[in-house]
Amino acid sequence: MKSSYDIKLLEKILKVIEISIRPSLNVDGGDISVVSLEGNTLYVKLCGACSCCPMASETLKYSVEKTLQCMVSTDLAVIAV
């Protein structure tokens, strides 16, 4: 997947993931990795327990995406790959 992104935006996203999102996923045995950023669309992979959890789509939409929209940019969309 080819990425086109703003490096400062990516740095902010990675910081929020590391500080605010990853710890809560780790508590339940899950994790997240960034695959690419294309414009305002962030492609991520849910790992560990999150990869097979029936609540993964809700976690992605209502936790990961909402946190990034609140802390980085309201224009961000997060999609699992």
PDB file of N, CA and C in Angstrom:
ATOM      1  N   MET A   1       0.847  -1.173   0.000  1.00  0.00           N
ATOM      2  CA  MET A   1       0.000   0.000   0.000  1.00  0.00           C
ATOM      3  C   MET A   1       0.896   1.240   0.000  1.00  0.00           C
ATOM      4  N   LYS A   2       0.687   2.102  -0.927  1.00  0.00           N
ATOM      5  CA  LYS A   2       1.484   3.312  -1.034  1.00  0.00           C
ATOM      6  C   LYS A   2       0.911   4.372  -0.101  1.00  0.00           C
ATOM      7  N   SER A   3       1.795   5.089   0.591  1.00  0.00           N
ATOM      8  CA  SER A   3       1.349   6.101   1.549  1.00  0.00           C
ATOM      9  C   SER A   3       1.656   7.498   1.053  1.00  0.00           C
ATOM     10  N   SER A   4       0.703   8.371   1.233  1.00  0.00           N
ATOM     11  CA  SER A   4       0.934   9.799   1.010  1.00  0.00           C
ATOM     12  C   SER A   4       0.399  10.498   2.251  1.00  0.00           C
ATOM     13  N   TYR A   5       1.268  11.165   2.971  1.00  0.00           N
ATOM     14  CA  TYR A   5       0.848  11.720   4.241  1.00  0.00           C
ATOM     15  C   TYR A   5       1.705  12.906   4.654  1.00  0.00           C
ATOM     16  N   ASP A   6       1.186  13.604   5.623  1.00  0.00           N
ATOM     17  CA  ASP A   6       1.882  14.710   6.270  1.00  0.00           C
ATOM     18  C   ASP A   6       2.647  14.111   7.452  1.00  0.00           C
ATOM     19  N   ILE A   7       3.963  14.267   7.461  1.00  0.00           N
ATOM     20  CA  ILE A   7       4.800  13.651   8.505  1.00  0.00           C
ATOM     21  C   ILE A   7       4.415  14.145   9.902  1.00  0.00           C
ATOM     22  N   LYS A   8       4.054  15.406  10.035  1.00  0.00           N
ATOM     23  CA  LYS A   8       3.664  15.929  11.357  1.00  0.00           C
ATOM     24  C   LYS A   8       2.360  15.301  11.818  1.00  0.00           C
ATOM     25  N   LEU A   9       1.436  15.100  10.898  1.00  0.00           N
ATOM     26  CA  LEU A   9       0.180  14.441  11.245  1.00  0.00           C
ATOM     27  C   LEU A   9       0.455  13.007  11.697  1.00  0.00           C
ATOM     28  N   LEU A  10       1.293  12.304  10.977  1.00  0.00           N
ATOM     29  CA  LEU A  10       1.633  10.933  11.352  1.00  0.00           C
ATOM     30  C   LEU A  10       2.303  10.885  12.714  1.00  0.00           C
ATOM     31  N   GLU A  11       3.201  11.811  12.991  1.00  0.00           N
ATOM     32  CA  GLU A  11       3.865  11.851  14.299  1.00  0.00           C
ATOM     33  C   GLU A  11       2.853  12.050  15.425  1.00  0.00           C
ATOM     34  N   LYS A  12       1.878  12.938  15.220  1.00  0.00           N
ATOM     35  CA  LYS A  12       0.837  13.162  16.236  1.00  0.00           C
ATOM     36  C   LYS A  12       0.014  11.903  16.449  1.00  0.00           C
ATOM     37  N   ILE A  13      -0.357  11.255  15.353  1.00  0.00           N
ATOM     38  CA  ILE A  13      -1.140  10.023  15.434  1.00  0.00           C
ATOM     39  C   ILE A  13      -0.386   8.950  16.211  1.00  0.00           C
ATOM     40  N   LEU A  14       0.873   8.748  15.865  1.00  0.00           N
ATOM     41  CA  LEU A  14       1.673   7.722  16.538  1.00  0.00           C
ATOM     42  C   LEU A  14       1.831   8.006  18.025  1.00  0.00           C
ATOM     43  N   LYS A  15       1.969   9.277  18.384  1.00  0.00           N
ATOM     44  CA  LYS A  15       2.095   9.653  19.795  1.00  0.00           C
ATOM     45  C   LYS A  15       0.804   9.344  20.553  1.00  0.00           C
ATOM     46  N   VAL A  16      -0.335   9.686  19.975  1.00  0.00           N
ATOM     47  CA  VAL A  16      -1.622   9.418  20.633  1.00  0.00           C
ATOM     48  C   VAL A  16      -1.846   7.913  20.751  1.00  0.00           C
ATOM     49  N   ILE A  17      -1.501   7.175  19.715  1.00  0.00           N
ATOM     50  CA  ILE A  17      -1.647   5.716  19.784  1.00  0.00           C
ATOM     51  C   ILE A  17      -0.793   5.163  20.921  1.00  0.00           C
ATOM     52  N   GLU A  18       0.443   5.609  21.000  1.00  0.00           N
ATOM     53  CA  GLU A  18       1.367   5.087  22.010  1.00  0.00           C
ATOM     54  C   GLU A  18       0.923   5.437  23.434  1.00  0.00           C
ATOM     55  N   ILE A  19       0.446   6.656  23.640  1.00  0.00           N
ATOM     56  CA  ILE A  19       0.116   7.128  24.988  1.00  0.00           C
ATOM     57  C   ILE A  19      -1.318   6.807  25.403  1.00  0.00           C
ATOM     58  N   SER A  20      -2.262   6.953  24.488  1.00  0.00           N
ATOM     59  CA  SER A  20      -3.673   6.871  24.873  1.00  0.00           C
ATOM     60  C   SER A  20      -4.419   5.629  24.396  1.00  0.00           C
ATOM     61  N   ILE A  21      -3.993   5.030  23.305  1.00  0.00           N
ATOM     62  CA  ILE A  21      -4.761   3.924  22.730  1.00  0.00           C
ATOM     63  C   ILE A  21      -4.135   2.566  23.033  1.00  0.00           C
ATOM     64  N   ARG A  22      -2.860   2.405  22.735  1.00  0.00           N
ATOM     65  CA  ARG A  22      -2.199   1.104  22.902  1.00  0.00           C
ATOM     66  C   ARG A  22      -2.316   0.555  24.335  1.00  0.00           C
ATOM     67  N   PRO A  23      -2.112   1.374  25.376  1.00  0.00           N
ATOM     68  CA  PRO A  23      -2.213   0.811  26.734  1.00  0.00           C
ATOM     69  C   PRO A  23      -3.563   0.156  27.031  1.00  0.00           C
ATOM     70  N   SER A  24      -4.647   0.760  26.557  1.00  0.00           N
ATOM     71  CA  SER A  24      -5.959   0.160  26.833  1.00  0.00           C
ATOM     72  C   SER A  24      -6.159  -1.126  26.035  1.00  0.00           C
ATOM     73  N   LEU A  25      -5.613  -1.195  24.832  1.00  0.00           N
ATOM     74  CA  LEU A  25      -5.705  -2.431  24.056  1.00  0.00           C
ATOM     75  C   LEU A  25      -4.839  -3.525  24.673  1.00  0.00           C
ATOM     76  N   ASN A  26      -3.662  -3.145  25.169  1.00  0.00           N
ATOM     77  CA  ASN A  26      -2.742  -4.110  25.788  1.00  0.00           C
ATOM     78  C   ASN A  26      -3.344  -4.761  27.020  1.00  0.00           C
ATOM     79  N   VAL A  27      -4.168  -4.040  27.762  1.00  0.00           N
ATOM     80  CA  VAL A  27      -4.803  -4.580  28.973  1.00  0.00           C
ATOM     81  C   VAL A  27      -5.617  -5.834  28.647  1.00  0.00           C
ATOM     82  N   ASP A  28      -6.247  -5.826  27.478  1.00  0.00           N
ATOM     83  CA  ASP A  28      -7.069  -6.965  27.067  1.00  0.00           C
ATOM     84  C   ASP A  28      -6.315  -7.941  26.164  1.00  0.00           C
ATOM     85  N   GLY A  29      -4.996  -7.793  26.067  1.00  0.00           N
ATOM     86  CA  GLY A  29      -4.196  -8.707  25.255  1.00  0.00           C
ATOM     87  C   GLY A  29      -4.138  -8.346  23.784  1.00  0.00           C
ATOM     88  N   GLY A  30      -4.541  -7.128  23.440  1.00  0.00           N
ATOM     89  CA  GLY A  30      -4.539  -6.700  22.051  1.00  0.00           C
ATOM     90  C   GLY A  30      -3.473  -5.663  21.769  1.00  0.00           C
ATOM     91  N   ASP A  31      -3.407  -5.260  20.527  1.00  0.00           N
ATOM     92  CA  ASP A  31      -2.468  -4.224  20.114  1.00  0.00           C
ATOM     93  C   ASP A  31      -2.933  -3.663  18.775  1.00  0.00           C
ATOM     94  N   ILE A  32      -2.241  -2.637  18.325  1.00  0.00           N
ATOM     95  CA  ILE A  32      -2.575  -1.982  17.067  1.00  0.00           C
ATOM     96  C   ILE A  32      -1.283  -1.593  16.367  1.00  0.00           C
ATOM     97  N   SER A  33      -1.275  -1.713  15.050  1.00  0.00           N
ATOM     98  CA  SER A  33      -0.128  -1.230  14.290  1.00  0.00           C
ATOM     99  C   SER A  33      -0.640  -0.404  13.116  1.00  0.00           C
ATOM    100  N   VAL A  34       0.092   0.648  12.802  1.00  0.00           N
ATOM    101  CA  VAL A  34      -0.262   1.515  11.693  1.00  0.00           C
ATOM    102  C   VAL A  34       0.299   0.903  10.421  1.00  0.00           C
ATOM    103  N   VAL A  35      -0.560   0.732   9.429  1.00  0.00           N
ATOM    104  CA  VAL A  35      -0.150   0.193   8.137  1.00  0.00           C
ATOM    105  C   VAL A  35       0.229   1.333   7.208  1.00  0.00           C
ATOM    106  N   SER A  36      -0.654   2.343   7.100  1.00  0.00           N
ATOM    107  CA  SER A  36      -0.356   3.504   6.265  1.00  0.00           C
ATOM    108  C   SER A  36      -1.302   4.646   6.599  1.00  0.00           C
ATOM    109  N   LEU A  37      -0.923   5.810   6.128  1.00  0.00           N
ATOM    110  CA  LEU A  37      -1.742   7.012   6.244  1.00  0.00           C
ATOM    111  C   LEU A  37      -1.839   7.597   4.849  1.00  0.00           C
ATOM    112  N   GLU A  38      -3.057   7.718   4.353  1.00  0.00           N
ATOM    113  CA  GLU A  38      -3.289   8.292   3.032  1.00  0.00           C
ATOM    114  C   GLU A  38      -4.235   9.463   3.204  1.00  0.00           C
ATOM    115  N   GLY A  39      -3.684  10.664   3.099  1.00  0.00           N
ATOM    116  CA  GLY A  39      -4.486  11.849   3.354  1.00  0.00           C
ATOM    117  C   GLY A  39      -4.939  11.850   4.798  1.00  0.00           C
ATOM    118  N   ASN A  40      -6.251  11.832   5.006  1.00  0.00           N
ATOM    119  CA  ASN A  40      -6.813  11.786   6.357  1.00  0.00           C
ATOM    120  C   ASN A  40      -7.382  10.412   6.700  1.00  0.00           C
ATOM    121  N   THR A  41      -6.946   9.393   5.981  1.00  0.00           N
ATOM    122  CA  THR A  41      -7.394   8.030   6.256  1.00  0.00           C
ATOM    123  C   THR A  41      -6.227   7.219   6.787  1.00  0.00           C
ATOM    124  N   LEU A  42      -6.401   6.712   7.989  1.00  0.00           N
ATOM    125  CA  LEU A  42      -5.386   5.902   8.650  1.00  0.00           C
ATOM    126  C   LEU A  42      -5.784   4.438   8.538  1.00  0.00           C
ATOM    127  N   TYR A  43      -4.889   3.628   7.991  1.00  0.00           N
ATOM    128  CA  TYR A  43      -5.118   2.195   7.873  1.00  0.00           C
ATOM    129  C   TYR A  43      -4.329   1.504   8.976  1.00  0.00           C
ATOM    130  N   VAL A  44      -5.018   0.692   9.755  1.00  0.00           N
ATOM    131  CA  VAL A  44      -4.389   0.032  10.898  1.00  0.00           C
ATOM    132  C   VAL A  44      -4.688  -1.460  10.875  1.00  0.00           C
ATOM    133  N   LYS A  45      -3.879  -2.187  11.634  1.00  0.00           N
ATOM    134  CA  LYS A  45      -4.119  -3.613  11.828  1.00  0.00           C
ATOM    135  C   LYS A  45      -4.255  -3.849  13.318  1.00  0.00           C
ATOM    136  N   LEU A  46      -5.363  -4.463  13.710  1.00  0.00           N
ATOM    137  CA  LEU A  46      -5.553  -4.853  15.104  1.00  0.00           C
ATOM    138  C   LEU A  46      -4.878  -6.196  15.295  1.00  0.00           C
ATOM    139  N   CYS A  47      -4.112  -6.330  16.365  1.00  0.00           N
ATOM    140  CA  CYS A  47      -3.297  -7.516  16.598  1.00  0.00           C
ATOM    141  C   CYS A  47      -3.658  -8.166  17.929  1.00  0.00           C
ATOM    142  N   GLY A  48      -3.107  -9.348  18.149  1.00  0.00           N
ATOM    143  CA  GLY A  48      -3.334 -10.046  19.408  1.00  0.00           C
ATOM    144  C   GLY A  48      -4.798 -10.391  19.576  1.00  0.00           C
ATOM    145  N   ALA A  49      -5.286 -10.255  20.793  1.00  0.00           N
ATOM    146  CA  ALA A  49      -6.676 -10.586  21.095  1.00  0.00           C
ATOM    147  C   ALA A  49      -7.660  -9.742  20.293  1.00  0.00           C
ATOM    148  N   CYS A  50      -7.252  -8.542  19.890  1.00  0.00           N
ATOM    149  CA  CYS A  50      -8.137  -7.655  19.121  1.00  0.00           C
ATOM    150  C   CYS A  50      -8.414  -8.196  17.719  1.00  0.00           C
ATOM    151  N   SER A  51      -7.498  -8.978  17.179  1.00  0.00           N
ATOM    152  CA  SER A  51      -7.646  -9.458  15.806  1.00  0.00           C
ATOM    153  C   SER A  51      -8.816 -10.416  15.623  1.00  0.00           C
ATOM    154  N   CYS A  52      -9.211 -11.098  16.682  1.00  0.00           N
ATOM    155  CA  CYS A  52     -10.316 -12.059  16.566  1.00  0.00           C
ATOM    156  C   CYS A  52     -11.490 -11.719  17.492  1.00  0.00           C
ATOM    157  N   CYS A  53     -11.451 -10.575  18.101  1.00  0.00           N
ATOM    158  CA  CYS A  53     -12.506 -10.171  19.039  1.00  0.00           C
ATOM    159  C   CYS A  53     -13.768  -9.755  18.278  1.00  0.00           C
ATOM    160  N   PRO A  54     -14.929 -10.219  18.727  1.00  0.00           N
ATOM    161  CA  PRO A  54     -16.174  -9.820  18.065  1.00  0.00           C
ATOM    162  C   PRO A  54     -16.490  -8.328  18.231  1.00  0.00           C
ATOM    163  N   MET A  55     -15.834  -7.670  19.161  1.00  0.00           N
ATOM    164  CA  MET A  55     -16.061  -6.241  19.394  1.00  0.00           C
ATOM    165  C   MET A  55     -15.011  -5.364  18.689  1.00  0.00           C
ATOM    166  N   ALA A  56     -14.174  -5.954  17.853  1.00  0.00           N
ATOM    167  CA  ALA A  56     -13.083  -5.219  17.215  1.00  0.00           C
ATOM    168  C   ALA A  56     -13.575  -4.031  16.396  1.00  0.00           C
ATOM    169  N   SER A  57     -14.659  -4.187  15.660  1.00  0.00           N
ATOM    170  CA  SER A  57     -15.146  -3.074  14.839  1.00  0.00           C
ATOM    171  C   SER A  57     -15.638  -1.920  15.709  1.00  0.00           C
ATOM    172  N   GLU A  58     -16.264  -2.240  16.846  1.00  0.00           N
ATOM    173  CA  GLU A  58     -16.703  -1.191  17.759  1.00  0.00           C
ATOM    174  C   GLU A  58     -15.509  -0.508  18.420  1.00  0.00           C
ATOM    175  N   THR A  59     -14.498  -1.296  18.791  1.00  0.00           N
ATOM    176  CA  THR A  59     -13.277  -0.735  19.370  1.00  0.00           C
ATOM    177  C   THR A  59     -12.621   0.216  18.381  1.00  0.00           C
ATOM    178  N   LEU A  60     -12.558  -0.194  17.143  1.00  0.00           N
ATOM    179  CA  LEU A  60     -11.936   0.633  16.108  1.00  0.00           C
ATOM    180  C   LEU A  60     -12.699   1.943  15.929  1.00  0.00           C
ATOM    181  N   LYS A  61     -14.004   1.870  15.813  1.00  0.00           N
ATOM    182  CA  LYS A  61     -14.821   3.055  15.536  1.00  0.00           C
ATOM    183  C   LYS A  61     -14.980   3.950  16.763  1.00  0.00           C
ATOM    184  N   TYR A  62     -15.338   3.371  17.892  1.00  0.00           N
ATOM    185  CA  TYR A  62     -15.713   4.178  19.050  1.00  0.00           C
ATOM    186  C   TYR A  62     -14.584   4.432  20.041  1.00  0.00           C
ATOM    187  N   SER A  63     -13.478   3.758  19.877  1.00  0.00           N
ATOM    188  CA  SER A  63     -12.344   4.011  20.758  1.00  0.00           C
ATOM    189  C   SER A  63     -11.184   4.607  19.973  1.00  0.00           C
ATOM    190  N   VAL A  64     -10.659   3.853  19.018  1.00  0.00           N
ATOM    191  CA  VAL A  64      -9.485   4.301  18.266  1.00  0.00           C
ATOM    192  C   VAL A  64      -9.806   5.552  17.446  1.00  0.00           C
ATOM    193  N   GLU A  65     -10.815   5.472  16.589  1.00  0.00           N
ATOM    194  CA  GLU A  65     -11.131   6.601  15.713  1.00  0.00           C
ATOM    195  C   GLU A  65     -11.564   7.831  16.509  1.00  0.00           C
ATOM    196  N   LYS A  66     -12.437   7.658  17.477  1.00  0.00           N
ATOM    197  CA  LYS A  66     -12.913   8.809  18.266  1.00  0.00           C
ATOM    198  C   LYS A  66     -11.775   9.458  19.047  1.00  0.00           C
ATOM    199  N   THR A  67     -10.887   8.663  19.613  1.00  0.00           N
ATOM    200  CA  THR A  67      -9.750   9.223  20.343  1.00  0.00           C
ATOM    201  C   THR A  67      -8.864  10.034  19.407  1.00  0.00           C
ATOM    202  N   LEU A  68      -8.561   9.487  18.239  1.00  0.00           N
ATOM    203  CA  LEU A  68      -7.725  10.213  17.287  1.00  0.00           C
ATOM    204  C   LEU A  68      -8.420  11.466  16.759  1.00  0.00           C
ATOM    205  N   GLN A  69      -9.729  11.393  16.550  1.00  0.00           N
ATOM    206  CA  GLN A  69     -10.464  12.578  16.101  1.00  0.00           C
ATOM    207  C   GLN A  69     -10.456  13.662  17.165  1.00  0.00           C
ATOM    208  N   CYS A  70     -10.574  13.287  18.420  1.00  0.00           N
ATOM    209  CA  CYS A  70     -10.575  14.263  19.513  1.00  0.00           C
ATOM    210  C   CYS A  70      -9.187  14.850  19.764  1.00  0.00           C
ATOM    211  N   MET A  71      -8.159  14.032  19.642  1.00  0.00           N
ATOM    212  CA  MET A  71      -6.822  14.464  20.041  1.00  0.00           C
ATOM    213  C   MET A  71      -5.926  14.910  18.886  1.00  0.00           C
ATOM    214  N   VAL A  72      -6.279  14.535  17.645  1.00  0.00           N
ATOM    215  CA  VAL A  72      -5.420  14.869  16.511  1.00  0.00           C
ATOM    216  C   VAL A  72      -6.162  15.710  15.486  1.00  0.00           C
ATOM    217  N   SER A  73      -7.211  15.155  14.872  1.00  0.00           N
ATOM    218  CA  SER A  73      -7.948  15.862  13.826  1.00  0.00           C
ATOM    219  C   SER A  73      -9.340  15.260  13.665  1.00  0.00           C
ATOM    220  N   THR A  74     -10.333  16.110  13.625  1.00  0.00           N
ATOM    221  CA  THR A  74     -11.712  15.640  13.450  1.00  0.00           C
ATOM    222  C   THR A  74     -11.934  15.033  12.073  1.00  0.00           C
ATOM    223  N   ASP A  75     -11.029  15.274  11.147  1.00  0.00           N
ATOM    224  CA  ASP A  75     -11.148  14.765   9.775  1.00  0.00           C
ATOM    225  C   ASP A  75     -10.624  13.354   9.588  1.00  0.00           C
ATOM    226  N   LEU A  76     -10.008  12.779  10.612  1.00  0.00           N
ATOM    227  CA  LEU A  76      -9.407  11.447  10.473  1.00  0.00           C
ATOM    228  C   LEU A  76     -10.456  10.343  10.392  1.00  0.00           C
ATOM    229  N   ALA A  77     -10.194   9.413   9.519  1.00  0.00           N
ATOM    230  CA  ALA A  77     -10.980   8.178   9.439  1.00  0.00           C
ATOM    231  C   ALA A  77     -10.006   7.023   9.675  1.00  0.00           C
ATOM    232  N   VAL A  78     -10.457   6.007  10.379  1.00  0.00           N
ATOM    233  CA  VAL A  78      -9.600   4.862  10.677  1.00  0.00           C
ATOM    234  C   VAL A  78     -10.247   3.613  10.084  1.00  0.00           C
ATOM    235  N   ILE A  79      -9.449   2.867   9.319  1.00  0.00           N
ATOM    236  CA  ILE A  79      -9.945   1.671   8.655  1.00  0.00           C
ATOM    237  C   ILE A  79      -9.007   0.503   8.976  1.00  0.00           C
ATOM    238  N   ALA A  80      -9.604  -0.628   9.330  1.00  0.00           N
ATOM    239  CA  ALA A  80      -8.822  -1.836   9.605  1.00  0.00           C
ATOM    240  C   ALA A  80      -8.526  -2.566   8.303  1.00  0.00           C
ATOM    241  N   VAL A  81      -7.312  -3.073   8.204  1.00  0.00           N
ATOM    242  CA  VAL A  81      -6.934  -3.868   7.028  1.00  0.00           C
ATOM    243  C   VAL A  81      -6.543  -5.273   7.451  1.00  0.00           C
TER     244      VAL A  81
END
